[in-house]
C-alpha atoms as a PDB file:
ATOM      1  CA  MET A   1       3.091  -4.266  10.582  1.00  0.00           C
ATOM      2  CA  GLY A   2       0.721  -3.055  13.271  1.00  0.00           C
ATOM      3  CA  CYS A   3      -2.102  -2.452  10.801  1.00  0.00           C
ATOM      4  CA  HIS A   4      -1.152  -4.606   7.798  1.00  0.00           C
ATOM      5  CA  GLN A   5       0.204  -8.117   7.362  1.00  0.00           C
ATOM      6  CA  ILE A   6       1.594  -9.600   4.174  1.00  0.00           C
ATOM      7  CA  ASP A   7      -1.138 -12.160   3.532  1.00  0.00           C
ATOM      8  CA  LYS A   8      -3.760 -11.712   6.274  1.00  0.00           C
ATOM      9  CA  THR A   9      -6.214  -8.954   7.092  1.00  0.00           C
ATOM     10  CA  ARG A  10      -5.444  -7.130  10.290  1.00  0.00           C
ATOM     11  CA  VAL A  11      -6.800  -3.592  10.690  1.00  0.00           C
ATOM     12  CA  GLY A  12      -6.094  -2.841   7.040  1.00  0.00           C
ATOM     13  CA  PRO A  13      -5.965  -5.090   3.994  1.00  0.00           C
ATOM     14  CA  PRO A  14      -3.079  -7.505   3.448  1.00  0.00           C
ATOM     15  CA  PHE A  15      -0.167  -6.036   1.509  1.00  0.00           C
ATOM     16  CA  ALA A  16      -0.574  -8.832  -1.066  1.00  0.00           C
ATOM     17  CA  ALA A  17      -4.157  -7.676  -1.764  1.00  0.00           C
ATOM     18  CA  VAL A  18      -2.983  -4.081  -2.146  1.00  0.00           C
ATOM     19  CA  ALA A  19      -0.344  -5.281  -4.616  1.00  0.00           C
ATOM     20  CA  GLU A  20      -2.890  -7.252  -6.639  1.00  0.00           C
ATOM     21  CA  ARG A  21      -5.178  -4.225  -6.883  1.00  0.00           C
ATOM     22  CA  TYR A  22      -2.517  -1.726  -7.939  1.00  0.00           C
ATOM     23  CA  VAL A  23       0.279  -3.618  -9.706  1.00  0.00           C
ATOM     24  CA  ALA A  24      -1.162  -3.226 -13.212  1.00  0.00           C
ATOM     25  CA  GLY A  25      -0.698   0.533 -13.019  1.00  0.00           C
ATOM     26  CA  GLY A  26       3.107   0.471 -13.165  1.00  0.00           C
ATOM     27  CA  GLN A  27       5.146   3.447 -11.975  1.00  0.00           C
ATOM     28  CA  PRO A  28       2.197   5.800 -11.403  1.00  0.00           C
ATOM     29  CA  MET A  29       0.908   3.288  -8.855  1.00  0.00           C
ATOM     30  CA  VAL A  30       4.206   3.433  -6.943  1.00  0.00           C
ATOM     31  CA  ASN A  31       3.712   7.180  -6.627  1.00  0.00           C
ATOM     32  CA  TYR A  32       0.035   6.727  -5.751  1.00  0.00           C
ATOM     33  CA  LEU A  33       0.788   4.238  -2.976  1.00  0.00           C
ATOM     34  CA  ALA A  34       3.693   6.296  -1.641  1.00  0.00           C
ATOM     35  CA  ASN A  35       1.379   9.294  -1.443  1.00  0.00           C
ATOM     36  CA  SER A  36      -1.277   7.188   0.326  1.00  0.00           C
ATOM     37  CA  ILE A  37       1.275   6.032   2.885  1.00  0.00           C
ATOM     38  CA  ARG A  38       2.304   9.588   3.721  1.00  0.00           C
ATOM     39  CA  LYS A  39      -1.120  11.270   3.520  1.00  0.00           C
ATOM     40  CA  GLY A  40      -3.450   8.441   4.545  1.00  0.00           C
ATOM     41  CA  GLY A  41      -6.793   7.706   2.982  1.00  0.00           C
ATOM     42  CA  ARG A  42     -10.317   6.535   3.513  1.00  0.00           C
ATOM     43  CA  GLY A  43     -12.991   4.569   1.730  1.00  0.00           C
ATOM     44  CA  ARG A  44     -10.750   2.564  -0.611  1.00  0.00           C
ATOM     45  CA  TRP A  45     -10.811  -0.600   1.512  1.00  0.00           C
ATOM     46  CA  GLY A  46     -13.881  -0.144   3.690  1.00  0.00           C
ATOM     47  CA  ALA A  47     -14.864   1.992   6.633  1.00  0.00           C
ATOM     48  CA  VAL A  48     -11.553   2.038   8.529  1.00  0.00           C
ATOM     49  CA  PRO A  49      -9.408   4.982   7.374  1.00  0.00           C
ATOM     50  CA  MET A  50      -5.662   4.715   6.958  1.00  0.00           C
ATOM     51  CA  PRO A  51      -3.983   7.353   9.107  1.00  0.00           C
ATOM     52  CA  ALA A  52      -1.351   9.581   7.562  1.00  0.00           C
ATOM     53  CA  GLN A  53       2.284   8.649   8.210  1.00  0.00           C
ATOM     54  CA  PRO A  54       4.036  12.031   7.778  1.00  0.00           C
ATOM     55  CA  GLN A  55       7.136  10.783   9.618  1.00  0.00           C
ATOM     56  CA  VAL A  56       7.854   8.539   6.622  1.00  0.00           C
ATOM     57  CA  THR A  57      10.022  10.369   4.094  1.00  0.00           C
ATOM     58  CA  GLU A  58       9.138  10.439   0.403  1.00  0.00           C
ATOM     59  CA  GLU A  59      12.062   8.103  -0.286  1.00  0.00           C
ATOM     60  CA  GLU A  60      10.942   5.651   2.404  1.00  0.00           C
ATOM     61  CA  ALA A  61       7.348   5.755   1.166  1.00  0.00           C
ATOM     62  CA  THR A  62       8.510   5.050  -2.391  1.00  0.00           C
ATOM     63  CA  ALA A  63      10.614   2.119  -1.178  1.00  0.00           C
ATOM     64  CA  LEU A  64       7.663   0.741   0.817  1.00  0.00           C
ATOM     65  CA  ALA A  65       5.289   1.141  -2.142  1.00  0.00           C
ATOM     66  CA  THR A  66       7.763  -0.601  -4.459  1.00  0.00           C
ATOM     67  CA  TRP A  67       8.088  -3.481  -1.998  1.00  0.00           C
ATOM     68  CA  ILE A  68       4.309  -3.784  -1.579  1.00  0.00           C
ATOM     69  CA  LEU A  69       3.813  -3.949  -5.357  1.00  0.00           C
ATOM     70  CA  SER A  70       6.509  -6.637  -5.584  1.00  0.00           C
ATOM     71  CA  LEU A  71       4.188  -8.934  -3.609  1.00  0.00           C
ATOM     72  CA  ALA A  72       1.748  -9.275  -6.512  1.00  0.00           C
ATOM     73  CA  SER A  73       1.452 -12.692  -8.102  1.00  0.00           C
ATOM     74  CA  PRO A  74       3.427 -13.025 -11.330  1.00  0.00           C
ATOM     75  CA  ALA A  75       1.365 -12.596 -14.506  1.00  0.00           C
ATOM     76  CA  LYS A  76       0.429 -15.880 -16.143  1.00  0.00           C
END
């Protein structure tokens, strides 16, 4: 939670905004987000890069990605 908050911008985008952007993709998006957590990224949300988190296991990254996507607003 040092770089992201659930509903407010900190260093990175809010988890809820990440969920809204990627929830429509289904399972491939879980894998995509899990990979982004472990390997980092740049340019998707502005100039500040997301550092890699290699200490996070694949299983932990998948659980985090699943939780993040669960924050998306329900479809109307």
